[in-house]
Protein backbone atom coordinates (compact mmCIF):
# COMPACT_ATOMS: atom_id res chain seq x y z
CA MET A 1 5.23 -5.53 14.78
CA ALA A 2 7.67 -2.56 14.59
CA VAL A 3 11.22 -3.36 13.47
CA GLN A 4 13.67 -3.10 16.46
CA GLY A 5 16.46 -0.84 15.23
CA SER A 6 17.82 -2.43 12.08
CA LEU A 7 16.91 -6.00 13.05
CA THR A 8 14.13 -7.79 11.23
CA VAL A 9 11.89 -10.37 12.81
CA GLU A 10 13.75 -13.06 11.03
CA ARG A 11 17.18 -11.94 12.32
CA MET A 12 15.92 -11.61 15.90
CA CYS A 13 14.51 -15.18 15.78
CA GLN A 14 17.91 -16.40 14.52
CA LEU A 15 19.71 -14.64 17.38
CA LEU A 16 17.37 -16.02 19.97
CA GLN A 17 17.35 -19.44 18.36
CA VAL A 18 13.60 -19.70 18.03
CA SER A 19 11.53 -20.37 14.99
CA ARG A 20 9.48 -17.62 13.36
CA ALA A 21 6.37 -19.80 13.76
CA SER A 22 6.91 -19.98 17.51
CA PHE A 23 7.32 -16.16 17.66
CA TYR A 24 4.11 -15.50 15.73
CA ARG A 25 2.18 -18.01 17.93
CA TRP A 26 3.37 -16.14 21.00
CA LEU A 27 2.39 -12.75 19.38
CA GLN A 28 -1.17 -14.02 18.62
CA ARG A 29 -1.52 -15.07 22.29
CA SER A 30 -0.35 -11.75 23.70
CA GLU A 31 -2.16 -9.37 21.32
CA PRO A 32 -5.73 -10.31 22.51
CA VAL A 33 -4.61 -9.52 26.09
CA ARG A 34 -3.30 -6.11 25.07
CA GLU A 35 -6.51 -5.42 23.06
CA ASP A 36 -8.63 -6.32 26.08
CA MET A 37 -6.71 -3.98 28.28
CA GLU A 38 -7.20 -1.09 25.80
CA LEU A 39 -10.91 -1.92 25.56
CA ARG A 40 -11.34 -2.15 29.38
CA VAL A 41 -9.73 1.24 29.85
CA ALA A 42 -12.09 2.73 27.25
CA ILE A 43 -15.12 1.16 28.87
CA GLN A 44 -14.05 2.37 32.37
CA GLU A 45 -13.58 5.95 30.98
CA ILE A 46 -17.09 5.86 29.50
CA ALA A 47 -18.66 4.34 32.57
CA LEU A 48 -17.04 6.95 34.83
CA GLN A 49 -17.93 9.78 32.47
CA HIS A 50 -21.59 8.79 32.71
CA ARG A 51 -21.57 7.91 36.39
CA GLY A 52 -22.56 4.30 35.85
CA ARG A 53 -25.72 5.29 33.87
CA TYR A 54 -24.82 3.63 30.61
CA GLY A 55 -25.61 0.06 29.94
CA SER A 56 -23.80 -2.19 27.51
CA ARG A 57 -25.73 -1.02 24.42
CA ARG A 58 -24.83 2.66 24.82
CA ILE A 59 -21.22 1.77 25.70
CA VAL A 60 -20.88 -0.27 22.61
CA ARG A 61 -22.14 2.68 20.59
CA GLU A 62 -19.86 5.15 22.36
CA LEU A 63 -16.89 2.76 21.70
CA ARG A 64 -17.85 2.60 18.00
CA ASP A 65 -17.81 6.46 17.90
CA ARG A 66 -14.23 6.25 19.33
CA GLY A 67 -13.13 3.88 16.62
CA LEU A 68 -13.13 0.77 18.85
CA ARG A 69 -15.14 -2.30 17.70
CA ALA A 70 -16.50 -4.85 20.23
CA ASN A 71 -19.67 -6.84 20.32
CA ARG A 72 -22.12 -6.50 23.18
CA LYS A 73 -21.39 -9.86 24.85
CA ARG A 74 -17.74 -9.02 25.11
CA VAL A 75 -18.48 -5.57 26.60
CA VAL A 76 -20.91 -7.09 29.15
CA ARG A 77 -18.19 -9.58 30.18
CA LEU A 78 -15.64 -6.92 30.67
CA MET A 79 -18.14 -4.67 32.57
CA ARG A 80 -19.01 -7.53 34.87
CA LYS A 81 -15.43 -8.26 35.44
CA ASP A 82 -14.83 -4.62 36.48
CA ASN A 83 -18.09 -4.31 38.34
CA LEU A 84 -19.35 -1.63 35.96
CA LEU A 85 -22.82 -2.93 35.18
CA ALA A 86 -25.41 -0.16 35.08
CA ILE A 87 -27.62 0.62 38.09
CA HIS A 88 -30.69 -1.60 38.26
CA PRO A 89 -34.19 -0.01 38.37
CA ARG A 90 -36.56 -0.10 41.33
CA ALA A 91 -40.21 -0.45 41.38
CA PHE A 92 -42.18 2.38 39.71
CA VAL A 93 -44.98 4.09 41.67
CA THR A 94 -47.76 6.09 40.02
CA THR A 95 -49.13 9.35 41.41
CA THR A 96 -52.19 9.71 39.17
CA ASP A 97 -55.50 10.70 40.87
CA SER A 98 -58.18 10.34 38.14
CA GLY A 99 -61.09 10.04 40.61
CA HIS A 100 -62.73 13.41 39.70
CA GLU A 101 -65.70 14.69 37.69
CA LEU A 102 -63.84 17.11 35.57
CA GLU A 103 -64.00 17.00 31.77
CA VAL A 104 -61.62 14.44 30.20
CA ALA A 105 -60.13 15.03 26.75
CA LEU A 106 -60.09 12.47 23.91
CA ASN A 107 -56.89 10.49 23.39
CA LEU A 108 -55.38 11.98 20.23
CA ALA A 109 -51.64 11.04 20.91
CA ARG A 110 -51.91 7.36 20.13
CA HIS A 111 -53.25 8.13 16.66
CA MET A 112 -50.65 10.75 15.70
CA LYS A 113 -47.87 10.40 13.09
CA LEU A 114 -45.29 13.01 13.93
CA THR A 115 -43.13 14.85 11.41
CA GLY A 116 -41.29 17.39 13.58
CA ILE A 117 -40.82 18.95 17.00
CA ASN A 118 -43.54 20.90 18.88
CA GLN A 119 -46.34 18.74 17.49
CA LEU A 120 -46.92 16.52 20.49
CA TRP A 121 -45.87 17.14 24.12
CA VAL A 122 -46.42 14.60 26.94
CA ALA A 123 -46.60 15.52 30.60
CA ASP A 124 -46.49 13.49 33.84
CA ILE A 125 -45.77 13.71 37.61
CA THR A 126 -43.64 11.52 39.77
CA TYR A 127 -42.63 11.50 43.45
CA ILE A 128 -39.08 11.56 44.79
CA ARG A 129 -38.30 10.49 48.34
CA LEU A 130 -35.87 12.53 50.30
CA ARG A 131 -34.62 11.68 53.87
CA CYS A 132 -37.55 13.33 55.71
CA GLU A 133 -40.17 14.06 53.10
CA PHE A 134 -41.68 13.24 49.67
CA VAL A 135 -41.44 15.81 46.92
CA TYR A 136 -42.96 15.82 43.37
CA LEU A 137 -41.56 16.48 39.97
CA ALA A 138 -43.62 17.48 36.92
CA VAL A 139 -42.09 17.11 33.42
CA VAL A 140 -43.07 18.04 29.82
CA LEU A 141 -41.43 16.11 27.01
CA ASP A 142 -41.32 16.71 23.24
CA VAL A 143 -42.07 13.26 21.90
CA PHE A 144 -40.37 13.73 18.42
CA SER A 145 -36.98 14.57 19.96
CA ARG A 146 -37.49 13.13 23.43
CA LYS A 147 -36.23 16.44 24.85
CA VAL A 148 -37.40 17.57 28.23
CA VAL A 149 -38.80 21.09 27.41
CA GLY A 150 -40.04 21.92 30.90
CA TRP A 151 -39.96 20.66 34.40
CA ALA A 152 -40.91 21.81 38.00
CA LEU A 153 -40.27 20.54 41.59
CA ALA A 154 -42.37 21.15 44.63
CA ARG A 155 -43.53 19.65 48.00
CA SER A 156 -47.16 19.64 46.90
CA LEU A 157 -49.19 18.03 44.19
CA LYS A 158 -51.35 21.12 43.60
CA ALA A 159 -52.03 22.40 40.13
CA GLU A 160 -49.32 25.04 40.52
CA LEU A 161 -46.70 22.27 40.05
CA VAL A 162 -47.87 21.21 36.49
CA LEU A 163 -48.61 24.85 35.54
CA GLU A 164 -45.03 25.90 36.28
CA ALA A 165 -43.62 23.09 34.17
CA LEU A 166 -46.00 23.92 31.24
CA GLN A 167 -45.21 27.68 31.50
CA GLN A 168 -41.49 26.98 31.36
CA SER A 169 -42.06 24.77 28.31
CA ILE A 170 -44.05 27.55 26.52
CA GLN A 171 -41.41 30.12 27.42
CA GLN A 172 -38.48 27.98 26.06
CA ARG A 173 -40.13 26.64 22.84
CA GLN A 174 -42.77 29.24 21.82
CA PRO A 175 -44.85 26.57 19.94
CA ALA A 176 -47.20 27.45 17.25
CA PRO A 177 -51.06 26.86 17.79
CA GLY A 178 -52.15 23.30 17.14
CA LEU A 179 -49.71 21.40 19.37
CA VAL A 180 -51.24 18.39 21.09
CA HIS A 181 -50.57 18.23 24.78
CA HIS A 182 -51.02 14.66 26.18
CA SER A 183 -51.24 13.64 29.86
CA ASP A 184 -52.99 11.20 32.11
CA ARG A 185 -56.40 11.86 33.59
CA GLY A 186 -55.00 13.36 36.85
CA VAL A 187 -56.95 16.17 38.39
CA GLN A 188 -53.94 18.54 37.97
CA TYR A 189 -54.17 18.23 34.16
CA ALA A 190 -57.93 18.44 34.07
CA CYS A 191 -58.43 21.42 36.30
CA ALA A 192 -59.76 24.74 34.96
CA ASP A 193 -56.52 26.69 35.30
CA TYR A 194 -54.45 24.17 33.33
CA VAL A 195 -57.06 23.78 30.55
CA ALA A 196 -57.40 27.52 30.26
CA LEU A 197 -53.63 27.91 29.72
CA LEU A 198 -53.73 25.23 27.06
CA ARG A 199 -56.55 27.04 25.27
CA GLN A 200 -54.81 30.38 25.65
CA GLN A 201 -51.73 28.95 23.85
CA GLY A 202 -53.81 27.21 21.11
CA MET A 203 -52.87 23.80 22.39
CA ILE A 204 -55.14 20.74 22.02
CA PRO A 205 -55.52 18.58 25.15
CA SER A 206 -55.29 14.81 24.99
CA MET A 207 -55.61 12.28 27.80
CA SER A 208 -54.81 8.63 28.26
CA ARG A 209 -57.41 5.84 28.44
CA PRO A 210 -58.30 4.81 32.00
CA GLY A 211 -55.96 2.20 33.39
CA ASN A 212 -53.62 2.24 30.38
CA PRO A 213 -50.11 3.52 31.21
CA TYR A 214 -48.77 2.74 27.63
CA ASP A 215 -50.65 5.79 26.26
CA ASN A 216 -48.05 7.98 28.12
CA ALA A 217 -45.13 5.59 27.66
CA PHE A 218 -42.68 8.28 26.39
CA CYS A 219 -42.90 10.24 29.73
CA GLU A 220 -42.92 7.10 31.72
CA SER A 221 -39.76 5.99 29.97
CA PHE A 222 -38.00 9.29 30.84
CA ILE A 223 -39.07 9.11 34.46
CA LYS A 224 -37.77 5.53 34.71
CA THR A 225 -34.38 6.64 33.18
CA LEU A 226 -34.24 9.56 35.63
CA LYS A 227 -34.83 7.44 38.70
CA ARG A 228 -32.50 4.72 37.63
CA GLU A 229 -29.59 6.85 36.55
CA GLU A 230 -29.90 9.83 38.88
CA ILE A 231 -32.30 9.51 41.78
CA TYR A 232 -31.40 6.02 43.02
CA ALA A 233 -27.74 6.63 42.49
CA SER A 234 -27.61 9.77 44.66
CA CYS A 235 -28.34 11.08 48.18
CA TYR A 236 -29.64 14.55 48.52
CA ARG A 237 -29.51 16.90 51.45
CA ASP A 238 -32.71 18.72 50.91
CA LEU A 239 -35.09 19.95 48.24
CA GLU A 240 -32.64 22.63 46.92
CA ASP A 241 -29.92 20.11 46.63
CA LEU A 242 -32.22 17.83 44.63
CA ARG A 243 -33.21 20.79 42.40
CA ALA A 244 -29.63 21.66 41.66
CA ASN A 245 -28.84 17.99 40.74
CA LEU A 246 -31.87 17.58 38.63
CA GLU A 247 -31.01 20.71 36.61
CA VAL A 248 -27.57 19.28 35.86
CA PHE A 249 -29.07 15.91 34.92
CA ILE A 250 -31.91 17.16 32.75
CA GLU A 251 -30.40 20.25 31.13
CA GLN A 252 -26.77 19.29 30.77
CA TYR A 253 -26.80 15.50 30.74
CA TYR A 254 -30.02 14.09 29.45
CA ASN A 255 -30.87 16.76 26.82
CA ARG A 256 -27.28 17.36 25.61
CA GLN A 257 -25.12 14.27 26.19
CA ARG A 258 -27.08 11.05 26.83
CA LEU A 259 -27.34 8.93 23.73
CA HIS A 260 -30.99 7.88 22.93
CA SER A 261 -31.53 4.66 21.10
CA ALA A 262 -34.73 5.84 19.52
CA LEU A 263 -32.83 8.92 17.98
CA GLN A 264 -30.13 6.73 16.23
CA TYR A 265 -28.03 7.16 19.35
CA CYS A 266 -28.03 10.97 19.28
CA SER A 267 -28.84 13.20 22.24
CA PRO A 268 -32.14 15.08 21.92
CA GLU A 269 -30.23 18.38 21.54
CA ARG A 270 -28.04 17.05 18.84
CA PHE A 271 -31.02 15.41 17.16
CA GLU A 272 -32.83 18.78 16.97
CA GLN A 273 -29.73 20.47 15.70
CA GLN A 274 -29.43 18.01 12.87
CA LEU A 275 -32.98 18.76 11.83
CA VAL A 276 -32.10 22.49 11.64
CA VAL A 277 -28.95 21.74 9.63
CA ALA A 278 -30.70 19.43 7.18
CA GLY A 279 -33.32 22.10 6.70
CA ASP A 280 -36.22 19.65 7.11
CA ILE A 281 -39.58 21.55 7.00
CA PRO A 282 -41.92 19.87 9.45
CA LEU A 283 -45.22 18.89 7.73
CA VAL A 284 -48.52 18.89 9.51
CA PRO A 285 -48.81 15.74 11.66
CA THR A 286 -51.51 13.32 10.66
CA ILE A 287 -54.07 11.58 12.85
CA ASP A 288 -54.89 8.07 11.69
CA PHE A 289 -58.17 6.81 13.30
CA PHE A 290 -59.61 3.33 12.70
CA ARG A 291 -62.44 3.62 10.27
CA PRO A 292 -65.22 0.92 10.46
CA PRO A 293 -66.84 0.10 7.06
CA ASN A 294 -69.59 2.57 5.93
CA SER A 295 -68.61 5.06 8.68
CA LEU A 296 -68.21 8.79 8.29
CA LYS A 297 -64.67 9.90 7.23
CA VAL A 298 -62.68 11.44 9.99
CA PRO A 299 -60.42 14.41 8.99
CA GLU A 300 -56.87 13.23 8.55
CA LEU A 301 -55.01 16.45 9.19
CA LEU A 302 -54.72 18.19 12.42
CA ALA A 303 -56.30 21.63 12.24
């Protein structure tokens, strides 16, 4: 405790006719209250900054970056007291139509061991409900950095939707040949135009196993985050209003600000920048297939 003028704690206790022990017992009771208030203010600032999107884990990490230490149980208690708990998710609905006779690619993604960006992209489509209509969002995600590298929004599930998202991804990233592109077995990803664009860019198609959503879990996870933290928390006037808000969420918030637990609580943009600063040279990703005894050896390196 700071000295008041020239008076020491001992002298002030003598003037007030209280023991020093009583003073320190009072101080111990009042300091936790003051500390709680400082912590609550910081939690409120973080929650407001991220529009209620952050749960307790990310708030704990943000507090730590600010030099404030608090365990998760304490943060949850204070968030509950201030009604700052994150928005709860709703049920997830799939839009995959795999009932077609088009060629289906082998699943390479689940066997890959990544060493850098632009080695594995995953793509998916989801629906968004507006006041008077349903619209559809296609996204392309770089698995290594979890960055959204391309997206497109339309009123139709036609192949043009996913083609626009892929073309945007190629324009922004300019990947080298050999990148694996993984998706579900939807007709949009298996159609001739989409496969032709992949081959033109030297990309290798990969598709999920039937009835297994875990093969495309990275893209599913992003879509769940998008709906919980943006779509369900907002009300949009029309398609263009939705498009403008999605651009802010994806390009400015998710890619550049939102802490990702799988990236040591870095944003995707910062994670990729750290790779550049560190000078890490990405090696060729490996594919690790299960080899039964006495079987032919499968090449380990991706051509």
